[in-house]
Amino acid sequence: MVEQAVTGAGATPPPEQPPDATGGDAAATGGGTAAGPTSAGMTADGAPTAPADVSGAGMSADAVPAAPAGGAPAGPLQRTADLTAGPGGVMTDEVGVVTGELTLRTEWADGQVTLRVQYKDADEWYMVTGGRAALADPSGLDAVHTIAVALLNRPEG
C-alpha cells in the first residue's frame, strides 16, 4: 500500500515526502477517485461547491437559536407582542399595576417560562405577578405566549 502526501499548514507537504501531483500512487493501488473528496458541501481545497442556503439569516427577536448537540436550544427564547391592558391593568412585581399600551415578552430559559411587560417603547421591563412557570419543552413557548396575549390584550375593556 502506498501513502499519499498530507498537506499541513499553508497547504505545503511535509518535507520528507513530495506531493503526488499525478495521482499515480493512488491509481496504482486502485484507490483513485474521479472528482476528489468532498465533505459538507465543500471541495477538498475548501471552496464551497455552491451557494449555501441561509434562509432566516436576517434573524429577528423571535428567532430560535440553533440547538446544540443535546437537542435543547442554546440560550433564552422569547416572543413579544403589543397589547392594550384590560380594566385593572396588568399586575407586576416591581411597580404594581401597569395600564395602557404595553408590550408583552414571553421568555423561555432553563426550563422556565417568564412573562414580562413594559410600557410600549419604554426601556424597563417588569415581571408579571404570577408570570413564571415550569415549561420543560421549549416548543410550548408559542402556545404559552398566545394564551398570555389572549388573556391580557383587552383593547375594548
N, C-alpha and C. Protein backbone atom coordinates (compact mmCIF):
# COMPACT_ATOMS: atom_id res chain seq x y z
N MET A 1 0.85 -1.17 0.00
CA MET A 1 0.00 0.00 0.00
C MET A 1 0.89 1.23 0.00
N VAL A 2 0.54 2.22 -0.81
CA VAL A 2 1.31 3.45 -0.93
C VAL A 2 0.54 4.57 -0.25
N GLU A 3 1.26 5.42 0.49
CA GLU A 3 0.61 6.52 1.18
C GLU A 3 0.71 7.79 0.37
N GLN A 4 -0.34 8.60 0.43
CA GLN A 4 -0.41 9.90 -0.24
C GLN A 4 0.15 10.96 0.70
N ALA A 5 0.76 12.01 0.16
CA ALA A 5 1.26 13.11 0.99
C ALA A 5 0.09 13.85 1.60
N VAL A 6 0.26 14.24 2.84
CA VAL A 6 -0.75 15.02 3.54
C VAL A 6 -0.22 16.43 3.68
N THR A 7 -1.04 17.41 3.32
CA THR A 7 -0.57 18.78 3.43
C THR A 7 -0.81 19.31 4.82
N GLY A 8 0.05 20.20 5.25
CA GLY A 8 -0.06 20.79 6.58
C GLY A 8 -0.47 22.24 6.46
N ALA A 9 -0.10 23.03 7.45
CA ALA A 9 -0.42 24.46 7.46
C ALA A 9 0.16 25.11 6.22
N GLY A 10 -0.61 25.99 5.60
CA GLY A 10 -0.13 26.66 4.39
C GLY A 10 -0.20 25.78 3.17
N ALA A 11 -0.84 24.66 3.22
CA ALA A 11 -1.01 23.72 2.11
C ALA A 11 0.32 23.24 1.57
N THR A 12 1.30 23.04 2.43
CA THR A 12 2.61 22.53 2.00
C THR A 12 2.75 21.10 2.48
N PRO A 13 3.34 20.24 1.65
CA PRO A 13 3.52 18.85 2.09
C PRO A 13 4.62 18.76 3.12
N PRO A 14 4.58 17.70 3.92
CA PRO A 14 5.68 17.51 4.87
C PRO A 14 6.99 17.35 4.10
N PRO A 15 8.10 17.80 4.66
CA PRO A 15 9.37 17.80 3.92
C PRO A 15 9.87 16.42 3.55
N GLU A 16 9.47 15.38 4.24
CA GLU A 16 10.02 14.06 3.97
C GLU A 16 9.38 13.38 2.77
N GLN A 17 8.28 13.93 2.21
CA GLN A 17 7.64 13.26 1.10
C GLN A 17 7.08 14.30 0.13
N PRO A 18 7.46 14.23 -1.16
CA PRO A 18 6.92 15.19 -2.13
C PRO A 18 5.46 14.85 -2.46
N PRO A 19 4.69 15.84 -2.88
CA PRO A 19 3.29 15.57 -3.24
C PRO A 19 3.20 14.72 -4.49
N ASP A 20 2.14 13.92 -4.59
CA ASP A 20 1.87 13.10 -5.76
C ASP A 20 0.98 13.89 -6.69
N ALA A 21 1.57 14.70 -7.57
CA ALA A 21 0.83 15.60 -8.44
C ALA A 21 -0.02 14.87 -9.47
N THR A 22 0.36 13.67 -9.86
CA THR A 22 -0.35 12.97 -10.92
C THR A 22 -1.43 12.06 -10.40
N GLY A 23 -1.41 11.75 -9.13
CA GLY A 23 -2.37 10.80 -8.57
C GLY A 23 -2.01 9.38 -8.93
N GLY A 24 -0.82 9.18 -9.49
CA GLY A 24 -0.40 7.85 -9.92
C GLY A 24 -0.29 6.85 -8.79
N ASP A 25 0.15 7.32 -7.61
CA ASP A 25 0.26 6.40 -6.47
C ASP A 25 -1.11 5.84 -6.10
N ALA A 26 -2.12 6.69 -6.05
CA ALA A 26 -3.46 6.23 -5.68
C ALA A 26 -4.02 5.34 -6.79
N ALA A 27 -3.77 5.71 -8.06
CA ALA A 27 -4.30 4.92 -9.17
C ALA A 27 -3.64 3.55 -9.21
N ALA A 28 -2.34 3.48 -8.85
CA ALA A 28 -1.64 2.20 -8.88
C ALA A 28 -2.22 1.22 -7.87
N THR A 29 -2.79 1.73 -6.80
CA THR A 29 -3.36 0.84 -5.79
C THR A 29 -4.84 0.63 -5.99
N GLY A 30 -5.41 1.26 -7.01
CA GLY A 30 -6.83 1.09 -7.28
C GLY A 30 -7.70 1.92 -6.37
N GLY A 31 -7.12 2.91 -5.68
CA GLY A 31 -7.90 3.70 -4.74
C GLY A 31 -8.20 5.09 -5.22
N GLY A 32 -8.08 5.38 -6.51
CA GLY A 32 -8.32 6.72 -7.02
C GLY A 32 -9.79 7.05 -7.06
N THR A 33 -10.11 8.35 -6.97
CA THR A 33 -11.48 8.82 -7.12
C THR A 33 -11.54 9.79 -8.27
N ALA A 34 -12.69 9.87 -8.89
CA ALA A 34 -12.83 10.71 -10.07
C ALA A 34 -12.88 12.19 -9.72
N ALA A 35 -13.66 12.59 -8.75
CA ALA A 35 -13.88 14.01 -8.51
C ALA A 35 -13.16 14.53 -7.27
N GLY A 36 -12.52 13.73 -6.52
CA GLY A 36 -11.84 14.17 -5.31
C GLY A 36 -12.79 14.15 -4.12
N PRO A 37 -12.23 14.18 -2.94
CA PRO A 37 -13.07 14.08 -1.74
C PRO A 37 -13.86 15.35 -1.49
N THR A 38 -15.07 15.19 -1.00
CA THR A 38 -15.89 16.33 -0.60
C THR A 38 -16.53 16.01 0.74
N SER A 39 -16.85 17.05 1.45
CA SER A 39 -17.48 16.86 2.75
C SER A 39 -18.27 18.10 3.09
N ALA A 40 -19.50 17.92 3.54
CA ALA A 40 -20.36 19.01 3.98
C ALA A 40 -20.46 20.11 2.94
N GLY A 41 -20.56 19.74 1.67
CA GLY A 41 -20.72 20.73 0.61
C GLY A 41 -19.47 21.48 0.27
N MET A 42 -18.32 21.03 0.73
CA MET A 42 -17.05 21.70 0.45
C MET A 42 -16.18 20.80 -0.38
N THR A 43 -15.40 21.40 -1.26
CA THR A 43 -14.44 20.62 -2.02
C THR A 43 -13.18 20.46 -1.19
N ALA A 44 -12.28 19.61 -1.66
CA ALA A 44 -11.06 19.32 -0.91
C ALA A 44 -10.21 20.57 -0.71
N ASP A 45 -10.30 21.56 -1.59
CA ASP A 45 -9.49 22.76 -1.43
C ASP A 45 -10.17 23.81 -0.54
N GLY A 46 -11.37 23.51 -0.03
CA GLY A 46 -12.03 24.41 0.89
C GLY A 46 -13.00 25.37 0.24
N ALA A 47 -13.09 25.39 -1.07
CA ALA A 47 -14.02 26.29 -1.74
C ALA A 47 -15.42 25.69 -1.73
N PRO A 48 -16.44 26.48 -1.47
CA PRO A 48 -17.80 25.94 -1.48
C PRO A 48 -18.19 25.49 -2.88
N THR A 49 -18.95 24.40 -2.96
CA THR A 49 -19.37 23.89 -4.26
C THR A 49 -20.50 24.70 -4.84
N ALA A 50 -21.34 25.29 -4.02
CA ALA A 50 -22.46 26.10 -4.48
C ALA A 50 -22.85 27.03 -3.34
N PRO A 51 -23.58 28.09 -3.66
CA PRO A 51 -24.01 28.97 -2.56
C PRO A 51 -24.84 28.20 -1.54
N ALA A 52 -24.60 28.48 -0.29
CA ALA A 52 -25.33 27.80 0.78
C ALA A 52 -26.66 28.50 1.02
N ASP A 53 -27.68 27.73 1.35
CA ASP A 53 -28.98 28.30 1.68
C ASP A 53 -28.92 28.80 3.11
N VAL A 54 -29.04 30.10 3.29
CA VAL A 54 -29.00 30.69 4.62
C VAL A 54 -30.33 31.37 4.93
N SER A 55 -31.41 30.67 4.69
CA SER A 55 -32.73 31.22 4.98
C SER A 55 -32.79 31.65 6.43
N GLY A 56 -33.36 32.80 6.67
CA GLY A 56 -33.50 33.29 8.03
C GLY A 56 -32.25 33.96 8.57
N ALA A 57 -31.28 34.27 7.71
CA ALA A 57 -30.05 34.88 8.20
C ALA A 57 -30.30 36.27 8.76
N GLY A 58 -31.39 36.90 8.40
CA GLY A 58 -31.73 38.20 8.93
C GLY A 58 -32.54 38.09 10.21
N MET A 59 -32.14 37.27 11.12
CA MET A 59 -32.85 36.87 12.33
C MET A 59 -33.61 38.01 13.00
N SER A 60 -34.67 37.64 13.70
CA SER A 60 -35.44 38.58 14.49
C SER A 60 -35.41 38.14 15.94
N ALA A 61 -36.02 38.93 16.81
CA ALA A 61 -36.04 38.58 18.23
C ALA A 61 -36.78 37.28 18.48
N ASP A 62 -37.67 36.92 17.56
CA ASP A 62 -38.45 35.71 17.74
C ASP A 62 -37.76 34.48 17.16
N ALA A 63 -36.57 34.64 16.61
CA ALA A 63 -35.87 33.51 16.02
C ALA A 63 -35.42 32.53 17.09
N VAL A 64 -35.42 31.28 16.75
CA VAL A 64 -35.00 30.23 17.67
C VAL A 64 -33.52 29.98 17.45
N PRO A 65 -32.69 30.09 18.48
CA PRO A 65 -31.27 29.82 18.32
C PRO A 65 -31.02 28.37 17.93
N ALA A 66 -29.88 28.14 17.31
CA ALA A 66 -29.53 26.79 16.90
C ALA A 66 -29.40 25.88 18.12
N ALA A 67 -29.79 24.65 17.92
CA ALA A 67 -29.73 23.68 19.02
C ALA A 67 -28.34 23.06 19.11
N PRO A 68 -27.79 22.96 20.31
CA PRO A 68 -26.52 22.26 20.46
C PRO A 68 -26.73 20.76 20.34
N ALA A 69 -25.67 20.00 20.48
CA ALA A 69 -25.70 18.55 20.26
C ALA A 69 -26.75 17.84 21.10
N GLY A 70 -27.06 18.32 22.29
CA GLY A 70 -28.04 17.67 23.16
C GLY A 70 -29.47 17.82 22.69
N GLY A 71 -29.74 18.73 21.75
CA GLY A 71 -31.08 18.91 21.21
C GLY A 71 -31.83 20.07 21.82
N ALA A 72 -31.45 20.57 23.00
CA ALA A 72 -32.13 21.70 23.61
C ALA A 72 -31.59 22.99 23.00
N PRO A 73 -32.44 23.99 22.82
CA PRO A 73 -31.97 25.24 22.23
C PRO A 73 -30.93 25.91 23.11
N ALA A 74 -30.02 26.63 22.48
CA ALA A 74 -29.00 27.37 23.21
C ALA A 74 -29.55 28.73 23.58
N GLY A 75 -29.38 29.14 24.82
CA GLY A 75 -29.80 30.46 25.25
C GLY A 75 -31.30 30.61 25.39
N PRO A 76 -31.74 31.79 25.85
CA PRO A 76 -33.16 32.01 26.04
C PRO A 76 -33.89 32.21 24.72
N LEU A 77 -35.15 31.80 24.71
CA LEU A 77 -36.05 32.04 23.58
C LEU A 77 -37.05 33.08 24.04
N GLN A 78 -37.58 33.87 23.13
CA GLN A 78 -38.58 34.84 23.53
C GLN A 78 -39.52 35.18 22.39
N ARG A 79 -40.71 35.62 22.78
CA ARG A 79 -41.72 36.11 21.85
C ARG A 79 -42.22 37.43 22.41
N THR A 80 -42.57 38.38 21.55
CA THR A 80 -43.11 39.65 22.00
C THR A 80 -44.38 39.98 21.24
N ALA A 81 -45.24 40.77 21.87
CA ALA A 81 -46.47 41.24 21.22
C ALA A 81 -46.92 42.52 21.92
N ASP A 82 -47.42 43.46 21.13
CA ASP A 82 -48.00 44.68 21.69
C ASP A 82 -49.45 44.38 22.06
N LEU A 83 -49.92 44.99 23.15
CA LEU A 83 -51.29 44.78 23.59
C LEU A 83 -51.77 45.98 24.37
N THR A 84 -53.06 46.00 24.62
CA THR A 84 -53.68 47.02 25.46
C THR A 84 -54.25 46.31 26.68
N ALA A 85 -53.80 46.73 27.86
CA ALA A 85 -54.26 46.09 29.09
C ALA A 85 -55.75 46.34 29.30
N GLY A 86 -56.42 45.34 29.83
CA GLY A 86 -57.85 45.47 30.11
C GLY A 86 -58.10 46.24 31.39
N PRO A 87 -59.36 46.30 31.83
CA PRO A 87 -59.69 47.00 33.07
C PRO A 87 -58.87 46.42 34.23
N GLY A 88 -58.28 47.29 35.02
CA GLY A 88 -57.45 46.83 36.13
C GLY A 88 -56.00 46.66 35.75
N GLY A 89 -55.66 46.71 34.46
CA GLY A 89 -54.28 46.63 34.00
C GLY A 89 -53.63 45.28 34.23
N VAL A 90 -52.32 45.27 34.28
CA VAL A 90 -51.52 44.06 34.49
C VAL A 90 -50.70 44.28 35.76
N MET A 91 -50.82 43.38 36.71
CA MET A 91 -50.07 43.48 37.98
C MET A 91 -48.64 43.01 37.76
N THR A 92 -47.69 43.82 38.24
CA THR A 92 -46.27 43.47 38.14
C THR A 92 -45.66 43.42 39.54
N ASP A 93 -44.57 42.69 39.67
CA ASP A 93 -43.88 42.56 40.95
C ASP A 93 -43.19 43.87 41.36
N GLU A 94 -42.65 44.59 40.38
CA GLU A 94 -41.81 45.74 40.69
C GLU A 94 -42.59 47.03 40.95
N VAL A 95 -43.62 47.32 40.15
CA VAL A 95 -44.28 48.63 40.23
C VAL A 95 -45.79 48.54 40.42
N GLY A 96 -46.31 47.34 40.64
CA GLY A 96 -47.75 47.20 40.81
C GLY A 96 -48.45 47.15 39.46
N VAL A 97 -49.59 47.82 39.35
CA VAL A 97 -50.41 47.74 38.14
C VAL A 97 -49.87 48.67 37.06
N VAL A 98 -49.77 48.14 35.83
CA VAL A 98 -49.46 48.95 34.65
C VAL A 98 -50.65 48.87 33.71
N THR A 99 -50.96 49.99 33.08
CA THR A 99 -52.14 50.06 32.20
C THR A 99 -51.76 50.68 30.87
N GLY A 100 -52.68 50.62 29.93
CA GLY A 100 -52.50 51.27 28.64
C GLY A 100 -51.82 50.38 27.62
N GLU A 101 -51.09 51.03 26.70
CA GLU A 101 -50.39 50.33 25.63
C GLU A 101 -49.13 49.70 26.19
N LEU A 102 -49.05 48.37 26.10
CA LEU A 102 -47.93 47.61 26.67
C LEU A 102 -47.33 46.69 25.61
N THR A 103 -46.14 46.21 25.92
CA THR A 103 -45.53 45.13 25.15
C THR A 103 -45.32 43.97 26.11
N LEU A 104 -45.76 42.79 25.70
CA LEU A 104 -45.58 41.57 26.48
C LEU A 104 -44.42 40.79 25.89
N ARG A 105 -43.53 40.32 26.76
CA ARG A 105 -42.43 39.45 26.32
C ARG A 105 -42.55 38.15 27.10
N THR A 106 -42.67 37.04 26.37
CA THR A 106 -42.72 35.71 26.95
C THR A 106 -41.37 35.06 26.69
N GLU A 107 -40.66 34.69 27.75
CA GLU A 107 -39.30 34.16 27.63
C GLU A 107 -39.25 32.71 28.13
N TRP A 108 -38.42 31.90 27.49
CA TRP A 108 -38.14 30.55 27.97
C TRP A 108 -36.64 30.44 28.17
N ALA A 109 -36.24 29.98 29.35
CA ALA A 109 -34.82 29.71 29.63
C ALA A 109 -34.75 28.72 30.79
N ASP A 110 -33.87 27.77 30.68
CA ASP A 110 -33.59 26.82 31.76
C ASP A 110 -34.85 26.13 32.31
N GLY A 111 -35.75 25.74 31.42
CA GLY A 111 -36.95 25.02 31.84
C GLY A 111 -38.02 25.87 32.49
N GLN A 112 -37.91 27.19 32.36
CA GLN A 112 -38.89 28.12 32.95
C GLN A 112 -39.42 29.07 31.88
N VAL A 113 -40.71 29.38 31.97
CA VAL A 113 -41.28 30.42 31.11
C VAL A 113 -41.60 31.61 32.01
N THR A 114 -41.30 32.82 31.53
CA THR A 114 -41.47 34.04 32.31
C THR A 114 -42.18 35.07 31.45
N LEU A 115 -43.16 35.76 32.05
CA LEU A 115 -43.88 36.84 31.37
C LEU A 115 -43.40 38.17 31.92
N ARG A 116 -43.07 39.10 31.03
CA ARG A 116 -42.66 40.45 31.42
C ARG A 116 -43.43 41.44 30.55
N VAL A 117 -43.69 42.63 31.10
CA VAL A 117 -44.35 43.68 30.33
C VAL A 117 -43.55 44.97 30.45
N GLN A 118 -43.75 45.83 29.50
CA GLN A 118 -43.18 47.17 29.53
C GLN A 118 -44.19 48.10 28.91
N TYR A 119 -44.12 49.38 29.29
CA TYR A 119 -44.90 50.36 28.55
C TYR A 119 -44.34 50.39 27.14
N LYS A 120 -45.22 50.45 26.16
CA LYS A 120 -44.78 50.36 24.77
C LYS A 120 -43.64 51.34 24.49
N ASP A 121 -42.57 50.83 23.93
CA ASP A 121 -41.37 51.57 23.54
C ASP A 121 -40.55 52.10 24.72
N ALA A 122 -40.82 51.63 25.94
CA ALA A 122 -40.01 52.03 27.10
C ALA A 122 -38.79 51.11 27.20
N ASP A 123 -37.90 51.41 28.12
CA ASP A 123 -36.70 50.59 28.32
C ASP A 123 -36.87 49.55 29.41
N GLU A 124 -37.67 49.85 30.44
CA GLU A 124 -37.79 48.98 31.60
C GLU A 124 -38.80 47.87 31.37
N TRP A 125 -38.44 46.66 31.80
CA TRP A 125 -39.35 45.50 31.76
C TRP A 125 -39.72 45.15 33.19
N TYR A 126 -40.98 44.75 33.38
CA TYR A 126 -41.48 44.36 34.69
C TYR A 126 -42.00 42.94 34.65
N MET A 127 -41.69 42.20 35.71
CA MET A 127 -42.15 40.82 35.85
C MET A 127 -43.65 40.81 36.14
N VAL A 128 -44.42 40.06 35.33
CA VAL A 128 -45.85 39.93 35.57
C VAL A 128 -46.02 39.07 36.83
N THR A 129 -46.80 39.56 37.78
CA THR A 129 -47.04 38.82 39.02
C THR A 129 -47.67 37.47 38.68
N GLY A 130 -47.06 36.40 39.17
CA GLY A 130 -47.54 35.05 38.87
C GLY A 130 -47.19 34.59 37.47
N GLY A 131 -46.34 35.35 36.79
CA GLY A 131 -46.00 35.06 35.39
C GLY A 131 -44.75 34.22 35.21
N ARG A 132 -44.55 33.23 36.07
CA ARG A 132 -43.41 32.31 35.93
C ARG A 132 -43.92 30.90 36.19
N ALA A 133 -43.53 29.97 35.32
CA ALA A 133 -43.95 28.57 35.49
C ALA A 133 -42.91 27.66 34.85
N ALA A 134 -42.91 26.42 35.28
CA ALA A 134 -42.03 25.41 34.67
C ALA A 134 -42.57 25.08 33.29
N LEU A 135 -41.66 24.96 32.34
CA LEU A 135 -42.00 24.55 30.97
C LEU A 135 -40.80 23.78 30.44
N ALA A 136 -40.85 22.46 30.59
CA ALA A 136 -39.69 21.62 30.25
C ALA A 136 -39.35 21.67 28.77
N ASP A 137 -40.36 21.70 27.92
CA ASP A 137 -40.12 21.66 26.48
C ASP A 137 -40.31 23.04 25.87
N PRO A 138 -39.25 23.65 25.33
CA PRO A 138 -39.35 25.00 24.78
C PRO A 138 -40.30 25.10 23.59
N SER A 139 -40.68 23.96 23.00
CA SER A 139 -41.61 24.03 21.88
C SER A 139 -42.99 24.51 22.33
N GLY A 140 -43.26 24.53 23.63
CA GLY A 140 -44.52 25.04 24.15
C GLY A 140 -44.56 26.55 24.32
N LEU A 141 -43.45 27.23 24.04
CA LEU A 141 -43.37 28.67 24.22
C LEU A 141 -44.42 29.41 23.40
N ASP A 142 -44.62 29.02 22.16
CA ASP A 142 -45.61 29.71 21.31
C ASP A 142 -47.01 29.61 21.90
N ALA A 143 -47.37 28.44 22.40
CA ALA A 143 -48.70 28.26 22.98
C ALA A 143 -48.88 29.12 24.23
N VAL A 144 -47.87 29.15 25.10
CA VAL A 144 -47.95 29.96 26.31
C VAL A 144 -48.08 31.44 25.93
N HIS A 145 -47.29 31.88 24.97
CA HIS A 145 -47.32 33.29 24.55
C HIS A 145 -48.70 33.64 23.98
N THR A 146 -49.24 32.77 23.14
CA THR A 146 -50.55 33.01 22.53
C THR A 146 -51.63 33.14 23.60
N ILE A 147 -51.60 32.26 24.59
CA ILE A 147 -52.59 32.31 25.67
C ILE A 147 -52.42 33.58 26.51
N ALA A 148 -51.18 33.95 26.84
CA ALA A 148 -50.94 35.15 27.64
C ALA A 148 -51.43 36.40 26.91
N VAL A 149 -51.16 36.49 25.62
CA VAL A 149 -51.64 37.63 24.84
C VAL A 149 -53.17 37.67 24.86
N ALA A 150 -53.79 36.50 24.65
CA ALA A 150 -55.26 36.45 24.64
C ALA A 150 -55.86 36.87 25.98
N LEU A 151 -55.20 36.54 27.08
CA LEU A 151 -55.71 36.90 28.40
C LEU A 151 -55.49 38.37 28.74
N LEU A 152 -54.37 38.93 28.32
CA LEU A 152 -54.01 40.28 28.71
C LEU A 152 -54.44 41.37 27.73
N ASN A 153 -54.62 41.03 26.48
CA ASN A 153 -54.97 42.04 25.48
C ASN A 153 -56.48 42.26 25.49
N ARG A 154 -56.89 43.40 26.04
CA ARG A 154 -58.31 43.76 26.15
C ARG A 154 -58.50 45.20 25.68
N PRO A 155 -58.34 45.46 24.39
CA PRO A 155 -58.43 46.85 23.90
C PRO A 155 -59.82 47.45 24.07
N GLU A 156 -60.85 46.62 24.21
CA GLU A 156 -62.20 47.16 24.37
C GLU A 156 -62.70 47.03 25.79
N GLY A 157 -61.83 46.68 26.69
CA GLY A 157 -62.22 46.63 28.09
C GLY A 157 -62.68 45.31 28.60
